[in-house]
């Protein structure tokens, strides 16, 4: 999956995310966590995701953001505001904003390793990263086409299957990335932290468990 010369250098890496504000992100972590703690975990997850994305060969790195950038945003990223509408419409708008091969990921998999994002495009039209909850954590298109994601049912146990079917029905050559677990619940948070013990996310979860309130 590691990128080769040409397409890797031409690829745009998209990260779609929300500003980590209490009450606006990771609300399914509440309870047992507070809204402030959920926002801290979201910020740590986003920081881990951006750190991984920053090391991947790409011609552009773009954060598709709902909200405003904060000190958690590293150098090297363009910021584009998210569009309105349902998630499929926001994903469609993200792909409409770029040209050439593009890989889009979310902020919910802080365990993601850079080598998973350094994809090759030889003989591949689309990359698909399934999530354990039935959705997907990554979607790559050699030729970004908003119609490939617009109208796919979102936030259902079958979202990933529906998206994969849409890609294959379009005649695309699809390669799959490994299954990853999104952080949605407290159980998810503990499992993902165990998978990535050196991450900012795991450190943040440990601070919260220890009763500390400082931000990651």
C-alpha atoms as a PDB file:
ATOM      1  CA  UNK A   1       0.000   0.000   0.000  1.00  0.00           C
ATOM      2  CA  UNK A   2       2.948   2.321   0.197  1.00  0.00           C
ATOM      3  CA  UNK A   3       2.798   5.014  -2.452  1.00  0.00           C
ATOM      4  CA  UNK A   4       5.013   4.842  -5.463  1.00  0.00           C
ATOM      5  CA  UNK A   5       6.567   7.815  -7.186  1.00  0.00           C
ATOM      6  CA  UNK A   6       4.064   9.561  -9.455  1.00  0.00           C
ATOM      7  CA  UNK A   7       0.606   9.182  -7.997  1.00  0.00           C
ATOM      8  CA  UNK A   8       1.732   9.537  -4.399  1.00  0.00           C
ATOM      9  CA  UNK A   9       3.292  12.887  -5.190  1.00  0.00           C
ATOM     10  CA  UNK A  10       0.106  13.989  -6.977  1.00  0.00           C
ATOM     11  CA  UNK A  11      -2.332  12.750  -4.335  1.00  0.00           C
ATOM     12  CA  UNK A  12      -4.419  15.090  -2.207  1.00  0.00           C
ATOM     13  CA  UNK A  13      -4.964  13.912   1.362  1.00  0.00           C
ATOM     14  CA  UNK A  14      -8.258  15.117   2.844  1.00  0.00           C
ATOM     15  CA  UNK A  15      -9.138  15.051   6.545  1.00  0.00           C
ATOM     16  CA  UNK A  16     -12.756  15.830   7.413  1.00  0.00           C
ATOM     17  CA  UNK A  17     -13.268  16.956  10.977  1.00  0.00           C
ATOM     18  CA  UNK A  18     -15.151  19.086  13.490  1.00  0.00           C
ATOM     19  CA  UNK A  19     -13.569  21.693  15.740  1.00  0.00           C
ATOM     20  CA  UNK A  20     -13.201  19.862  19.097  1.00  0.00           C
ATOM     21  CA  UNK A  21     -15.632  21.907  21.186  1.00  0.00           C
ATOM     22  CA  UNK A  22     -17.509  20.568  24.234  1.00  0.00           C
ATOM     23  CA  UNK A  23     -21.016  19.538  23.319  1.00  0.00           C
ATOM     24  CA  UNK A  24     -20.241  19.501  19.588  1.00  0.00           C
ATOM     25  CA  UNK A  25     -18.008  16.431  19.245  1.00  0.00           C
ATOM     26  CA  UNK A  26     -17.995  12.867  20.520  1.00  0.00           C
ATOM     27  CA  UNK A  27     -21.253  13.306  22.414  1.00  0.00           C
ATOM     28  CA  UNK A  28     -21.769   9.528  22.453  1.00  0.00           C
ATOM     29  CA  UNK A  29     -18.906   9.386  24.958  1.00  0.00           C
ATOM     30  CA  UNK A  30     -21.194  11.193  27.447  1.00  0.00           C
ATOM     31  CA  UNK A  31     -21.632   9.519  29.873  1.00  0.00           C
ATOM     32  CA  UNK A  32     -19.339   8.206  31.321  1.00  0.00           C
ATOM     33  CA  UNK A  33     -17.215  11.153  30.202  1.00  0.00           C
ATOM     34  CA  UNK A  34     -18.192  14.797  30.464  1.00  0.00           C
ATOM     35  CA  UNK A  35     -18.618  16.991  27.404  1.00  0.00           C
ATOM     36  CA  UNK A  36     -15.298  18.662  28.212  1.00  0.00           C
ATOM     37  CA  UNK A  37     -13.527  15.304  28.465  1.00  0.00           C
ATOM     38  CA  UNK A  38     -15.134  14.146  25.225  1.00  0.00           C
ATOM     39  CA  UNK A  39     -13.804  17.294  23.530  1.00  0.00           C
ATOM     40  CA  UNK A  40     -10.335  16.620  24.927  1.00  0.00           C
ATOM     41  CA  UNK A  41     -10.434  13.102  23.485  1.00  0.00           C
ATOM     42  CA  UNK A  42     -11.665  14.452  20.151  1.00  0.00           C
ATOM     43  CA  UNK A  43      -8.802  16.959  20.044  1.00  0.00           C
ATOM     44  CA  UNK A  44      -6.284  14.221  20.802  1.00  0.00           C
ATOM     45  CA  UNK A  45      -7.776  11.970  18.095  1.00  0.00           C
ATOM     46  CA  UNK A  46      -7.665  14.806  15.580  1.00  0.00           C
ATOM     47  CA  UNK A  47      -4.060  15.631  16.514  1.00  0.00           C
ATOM     48  CA  UNK A  48      -3.004  12.009  16.015  1.00  0.00           C
ATOM     49  CA  UNK A  49      -4.803  11.881  12.661  1.00  0.00           C
ATOM     50  CA  UNK A  50      -3.215  15.096  11.403  1.00  0.00           C
ATOM     51  CA  UNK A  51       0.226  13.965  12.581  1.00  0.00           C
ATOM     52  CA  UNK A  52      -0.116  10.751  10.578  1.00  0.00           C
ATOM     53  CA  UNK A  53      -1.408  12.616   7.520  1.00  0.00           C
ATOM     54  CA  UNK A  54       1.430  15.122   7.697  1.00  0.00           C
ATOM     55  CA  UNK A  55       4.044  12.455   6.992  1.00  0.00           C
ATOM     56  CA  UNK A  56       2.337  10.941   3.929  1.00  0.00           C
ATOM     57  CA  UNK A  57       3.643  11.866   0.444  1.00  0.00           C
ATOM     58  CA  UNK A  58       1.035  14.182  -1.071  1.00  0.00           C
ATOM     59  CA  UNK A  59       0.854  17.287  -3.199  1.00  0.00           C
ATOM     60  CA  UNK A  60      -1.816  18.804  -0.932  1.00  0.00           C
ATOM     61  CA  UNK A  61      -3.045  18.184   2.591  1.00  0.00           C
ATOM     62  CA  UNK A  62      -6.465  19.663   3.190  1.00  0.00           C
ATOM     63  CA  UNK A  63      -8.502  19.859   6.395  1.00  0.00           C
ATOM     64  CA  UNK A  64     -12.221  20.017   5.630  1.00  0.00           C
ATOM     65  CA  UNK A  65     -13.320  21.654   8.869  1.00  0.00           C
ATOM     66  CA  UNK A  66     -16.585  22.412  10.607  1.00  0.00           C
ATOM     67  CA  UNK A  67     -15.632  25.263  12.899  1.00  0.00           C
ATOM     68  CA  UNK A  68     -12.400  27.178  13.290  1.00  0.00           C
ATOM     69  CA  UNK A  69      -8.765  26.007  13.361  1.00  0.00           C
ATOM     70  CA  UNK A  70      -7.025  25.904  16.728  1.00  0.00           C
ATOM     71  CA  UNK A  71      -3.526  25.383  18.120  1.00  0.00           C
ATOM     72  CA  UNK A  72      -3.934  21.684  17.382  1.00  0.00           C
ATOM     73  CA  UNK A  73      -3.543  22.353  13.622  1.00  0.00           C
ATOM     74  CA  UNK A  74       0.041  21.688  12.435  1.00  0.00           C
ATOM     75  CA  UNK A  75       1.747  23.439   9.555  1.00  0.00           C
ATOM     76  CA  UNK A  76       1.280  22.071   6.063  1.00  0.00           C
ATOM     77  CA  UNK A  77      -2.525  21.931   5.867  1.00  0.00           C
ATOM     78  CA  UNK A  78      -4.929  24.046   3.886  1.00  0.00           C
ATOM     79  CA  UNK A  79      -8.257  24.603   5.616  1.00  0.00           C
ATOM     80  CA  UNK A  80     -11.542  24.517   3.718  1.00  0.00           C
ATOM     81  CA  UNK A  81     -14.870  25.019   5.521  1.00  0.00           C
ATOM     82  CA  UNK A  82     -17.231  22.063   5.445  1.00  0.00           C
ATOM     83  CA  UNK A  83     -20.371  22.467   3.422  1.00  0.00           C
ATOM     84  CA  UNK A  84     -23.779  22.069   4.994  1.00  0.00           C
ATOM     85  CA  UNK A  85     -26.127  19.156   4.591  1.00  0.00           C
ATOM     86  CA  UNK A  86     -25.902  15.496   5.454  1.00  0.00           C
ATOM     87  CA  UNK A  87     -22.611  13.648   5.696  1.00  0.00           C
ATOM     88  CA  UNK A  88     -22.836  12.324   2.145  1.00  0.00           C
ATOM     89  CA  UNK A  89     -23.277  15.908   0.873  1.00  0.00           C
ATOM     90  CA  UNK A  90     -20.284  17.082   2.898  1.00  0.00           C
ATOM     91  CA  UNK A  91     -18.132  14.253   1.567  1.00  0.00           C
ATOM     92  CA  UNK A  92     -19.275  15.021  -1.972  1.00  0.00           C
ATOM     93  CA  UNK A  93     -18.306  18.682  -1.522  1.00  0.00           C
ATOM     94  CA  UNK A  94     -14.891  17.668  -0.181  1.00  0.00           C
ATOM     95  CA  UNK A  95     -14.159  15.608  -3.287  1.00  0.00           C
ATOM     96  CA  UNK A  96     -15.526  18.373  -5.513  1.00  0.00           C
ATOM     97  CA  UNK A  97     -12.886  20.729  -4.104  1.00  0.00           C
ATOM     98  CA  UNK A  98      -9.903  18.745  -5.431  1.00  0.00           C
ATOM     99  CA  UNK A  99      -8.453  17.390  -8.662  1.00  0.00           C
ATOM    100  CA  UNK A 100      -6.434  14.245  -9.207  1.00  0.00           C
ATOM    101  CA  UNK A 101      -6.164  11.242  -6.881  1.00  0.00           C
ATOM    102  CA  UNK A 102      -7.575  11.995  -3.417  1.00  0.00           C
ATOM    103  CA  UNK A 103      -7.802  10.004  -0.198  1.00  0.00           C
ATOM    104  CA  UNK A 104     -10.258  11.172   2.454  1.00  0.00           C
ATOM    105  CA  UNK A 105     -10.188  10.127   6.109  1.00  0.00           C
ATOM    106  CA  UNK A 106     -12.027  11.193   9.243  1.00  0.00           C
ATOM    107  CA  UNK A 107     -10.847  12.149  12.731  1.00  0.00           C
ATOM    108  CA  UNK A 108     -12.229   9.056  14.471  1.00  0.00           C
ATOM    109  CA  UNK A 109      -9.314   6.632  14.041  1.00  0.00           C
ATOM    110  CA  UNK A 110      -6.330   8.007  16.007  1.00  0.00           C
ATOM    111  CA  UNK A 111      -4.669   4.606  15.696  1.00  0.00           C
ATOM    112  CA  UNK A 112      -4.207   5.079  11.943  1.00  0.00           C
ATOM    113  CA  UNK A 113      -0.606   4.552  10.831  1.00  0.00           C
ATOM    114  CA  UNK A 114       0.954   6.715   8.115  1.00  0.00           C
ATOM    115  CA  UNK A 115       1.771   3.667   6.004  1.00  0.00           C
ATOM    116  CA  UNK A 116      -1.952   2.918   5.672  1.00  0.00           C
ATOM    117  CA  UNK A 117      -2.457   6.321   4.067  1.00  0.00           C
ATOM    118  CA  UNK A 118       0.472   6.088   1.644  1.00  0.00           C
ATOM    119  CA  UNK A 119      -1.557   4.271  -0.983  1.00  0.00           C
ATOM    120  CA  UNK A 120      -0.583   3.281  -4.507  1.00  0.00           C
ATOM    121  CA  UNK A 121      -2.856   4.052  -7.437  1.00  0.00           C
ATOM    122  CA  UNK A 122      -1.400   1.752 -10.103  1.00  0.00           C
ATOM    123  CA  UNK A 123      -4.331  -0.367 -11.250  1.00  0.00           C
ATOM    124  CA  UNK A 124      -6.610   1.116  -8.583  1.00  0.00           C
ATOM    125  CA  UNK A 125      -9.526   3.515  -9.105  1.00  0.00           C
ATOM    126  CA  UNK A 126     -10.749   3.636  -5.508  1.00  0.00           C
ATOM    127  CA  UNK A 127      -9.548   2.811  -2.013  1.00  0.00           C
ATOM    128  CA  UNK A 128     -12.034   1.788   0.676  1.00  0.00           C
ATOM    129  CA  UNK A 129     -11.300   1.509   4.403  1.00  0.00           C
ATOM    130  CA  UNK A 130     -14.096  -0.299   6.261  1.00  0.00           C
ATOM    131  CA  UNK A 131     -14.922   0.565   9.862  1.00  0.00           C
ATOM    132  CA  UNK A 132     -15.964  -1.934  12.508  1.00  0.00           C
ATOM    133  CA  UNK A 133     -19.310  -0.194  13.049  1.00  0.00           C
ATOM    134  CA  UNK A 134     -20.373  -0.797   9.453  1.00  0.00           C
ATOM    135  CA  UNK A 135     -19.245   2.561   8.105  1.00  0.00           C
ATOM    136  CA  UNK A 136     -15.906   3.465   6.584  1.00  0.00           C
ATOM    137  CA  UNK A 137     -12.862   5.350   7.820  1.00  0.00           C
ATOM    138  CA  UNK A 138     -11.197   6.055   4.465  1.00  0.00           C
ATOM    139  CA  UNK A 139     -12.321   6.618   0.904  1.00  0.00           C
ATOM    140  CA  UNK A 140      -9.993   7.273  -2.002  1.00  0.00           C
ATOM    141  CA  UNK A 141     -10.855   8.172  -5.586  1.00  0.00           C
ATOM    142  CA  UNK A 142      -8.404   8.365  -8.470  1.00  0.00           C
ATOM    143  CA  UNK A 143     -10.833  10.717 -10.220  1.00  0.00           C
ATOM    144  CA  UNK A 144     -12.838  12.572  -7.540  1.00  0.00           C
ATOM    145  CA  UNK A 145     -16.520  12.364  -8.468  1.00  0.00           C
ATOM    146  CA  UNK A 146     -19.029  13.764  -5.955  1.00  0.00           C
ATOM    147  CA  UNK A 147     -21.777  11.568  -7.404  1.00  0.00           C
ATOM    148  CA  UNK A 148     -19.948   8.481  -6.153  1.00  0.00           C
ATOM    149  CA  UNK A 149     -20.761   9.455  -2.546  1.00  0.00           C
ATOM    150  CA  UNK A 150     -23.788  11.732  -2.813  1.00  0.00           C
ATOM    151  CA  UNK A 151     -26.969   9.895  -1.830  1.00  0.00           C
ATOM    152  CA  UNK A 152     -25.269   6.991  -0.034  1.00  0.00           C
ATOM    153  CA  UNK A 153     -27.215   6.398   3.231  1.00  0.00           C
ATOM    154  CA  UNK A 154     -25.186   7.612   6.204  1.00  0.00           C
ATOM    155  CA  UNK A 155     -24.983   6.686   9.881  1.00  0.00           C
ATOM    156  CA  UNK A 156     -26.426   3.206   9.398  1.00  0.00           C
ATOM    157  CA  UNK A 157     -24.892  -0.245   9.948  1.00  0.00           C
ATOM    158  CA  UNK A 158     -24.920  -0.665   6.159  1.00  0.00           C
ATOM    159  CA  UNK A 159     -23.297   2.636   5.168  1.00  0.00           C
ATOM    160  CA  UNK A 160     -19.979   1.030   4.304  1.00  0.00           C
ATOM    161  CA  UNK A 161     -21.576  -1.762   2.299  1.00  0.00           C
ATOM    162  CA  UNK A 162     -23.691   0.751   0.383  1.00  0.00           C
ATOM    163  CA  UNK A 163     -20.666   2.911  -0.408  1.00  0.00           C
ATOM    164  CA  UNK A 164     -18.624  -0.072  -1.552  1.00  0.00           C
ATOM    165  CA  UNK A 165     -21.508  -1.231  -3.740  1.00  0.00           C
ATOM    166  CA  UNK A 166     -21.709   2.246  -5.297  1.00  0.00           C
ATOM    167  CA  UNK A 167     -18.013   2.134  -6.206  1.00  0.00           C
ATOM    168  CA  UNK A 168     -18.209  -1.331  -7.713  1.00  0.00           C
ATOM    169  CA  UNK A 169     -21.437  -0.564  -9.574  1.00  0.00           C
ATOM    170  CA  UNK A 170     -19.590   2.308 -11.248  1.00  0.00           C
ATOM    171  CA  UNK A 171     -17.100  -0.218 -12.616  1.00  0.00           C
ATOM    172  CA  UNK A 172     -14.213   1.003 -10.467  1.00  0.00           C
ATOM    173  CA  UNK A 173     -11.273  -1.169  -9.505  1.00  0.00           C
ATOM    174  CA  UNK A 174     -11.499  -1.060  -5.712  1.00  0.00           C
ATOM    175  CA  UNK A 175      -8.723  -1.929  -3.267  1.00  0.00           C
ATOM    176  CA  UNK A 176      -9.512  -2.302   0.415  1.00  0.00           C
ATOM    177  CA  UNK A 177      -7.613  -0.988   3.424  1.00  0.00           C
ATOM    178  CA  UNK A 178      -7.632  -2.830   6.766  1.00  0.00           C
ATOM    179  CA  UNK A 179     -10.682  -2.725   9.016  1.00  0.00           C
ATOM    180  CA  UNK A 180     -10.308  -0.073  11.734  1.00  0.00           C
ATOM    181  CA  UNK A 181     -12.425   0.782  14.762  1.00  0.00           C
ATOM    182  CA  UNK A 182     -13.897   4.271  15.056  1.00  0.00           C
ATOM    183  CA  UNK A 183     -14.011   5.995  18.439  1.00  0.00           C
ATOM    184  CA  UNK A 184     -17.705   6.528  19.160  1.00  0.00           C
ATOM    185  CA  UNK A 185     -18.299   5.026  22.608  1.00  0.00           C
ATOM    186  CA  UNK A 186     -16.322   4.654  25.833  1.00  0.00           C
ATOM    187  CA  UNK A 187     -15.724   0.998  24.931  1.00  0.00           C
ATOM    188  CA  UNK A 188     -14.317   2.102  21.569  1.00  0.00           C
ATOM    189  CA  UNK A 189     -12.066   4.648  23.276  1.00  0.00           C
ATOM    190  CA  UNK A 190     -10.531   2.036  25.568  1.00  0.00           C
ATOM    191  CA  UNK A 191     -10.004  -0.444  22.730  1.00  0.00           C
ATOM    192  CA  UNK A 192      -8.426   2.108  20.388  1.00  0.00           C
ATOM    193  CA  UNK A 193      -6.145   3.474  23.118  1.00  0.00           C
ATOM    194  CA  UNK A 194      -4.921  -0.084  23.756  1.00  0.00           C
ATOM    195  CA  UNK A 195      -4.145  -0.459  20.034  1.00  0.00           C
ATOM    196  CA  UNK A 196      -2.113   2.772  20.001  1.00  0.00           C
ATOM    197  CA  UNK A 197      -0.554   3.110  23.460  1.00  0.00           C
ATOM    198  CA  UNK A 198       1.936   5.749  22.302  1.00  0.00           C
ATOM    199  CA  UNK A 199      -0.705   8.038  20.808  1.00  0.00           C
ATOM    200  CA  UNK A 200      -1.901  11.404  22.057  1.00  0.00           C
ATOM    201  CA  UNK A 201      -5.318   9.804  22.317  1.00  0.00           C
ATOM    202  CA  UNK A 202      -4.113   7.086  24.704  1.00  0.00           C
ATOM    203  CA  UNK A 203      -2.254   9.659  26.793  1.00  0.00           C
ATOM    204  CA  UNK A 204      -5.352  11.849  26.985  1.00  0.00           C
ATOM    205  CA  UNK A 205      -7.524   8.919  28.047  1.00  0.00           C
ATOM    206  CA  UNK A 206      -4.986   8.024  30.732  1.00  0.00           C
ATOM    207  CA  UNK A 207      -4.982  11.613  32.044  1.00  0.00           C
ATOM    208  CA  UNK A 208      -8.754  11.592  32.253  1.00  0.00           C
ATOM    209  CA  UNK A 209      -8.736   8.234  34.052  1.00  0.00           C
ATOM    210  CA  UNK A 210      -6.238   9.667  36.534  1.00  0.00           C
ATOM    211  CA  UNK A 211      -8.517  12.616  37.228  1.00  0.00           C
ATOM    212  CA  UNK A 212      -6.350  15.246  35.556  1.00  0.00           C
ATOM    213  CA  UNK A 213      -8.083  18.054  33.661  1.00  0.00           C
ATOM    214  CA  UNK A 214      -5.206  19.506  31.640  1.00  0.00           C
ATOM    215  CA  UNK A 215      -5.623  19.447  27.861  1.00  0.00           C
ATOM    216  CA  UNK A 216      -3.500  17.106  25.701  1.00  0.00           C
END
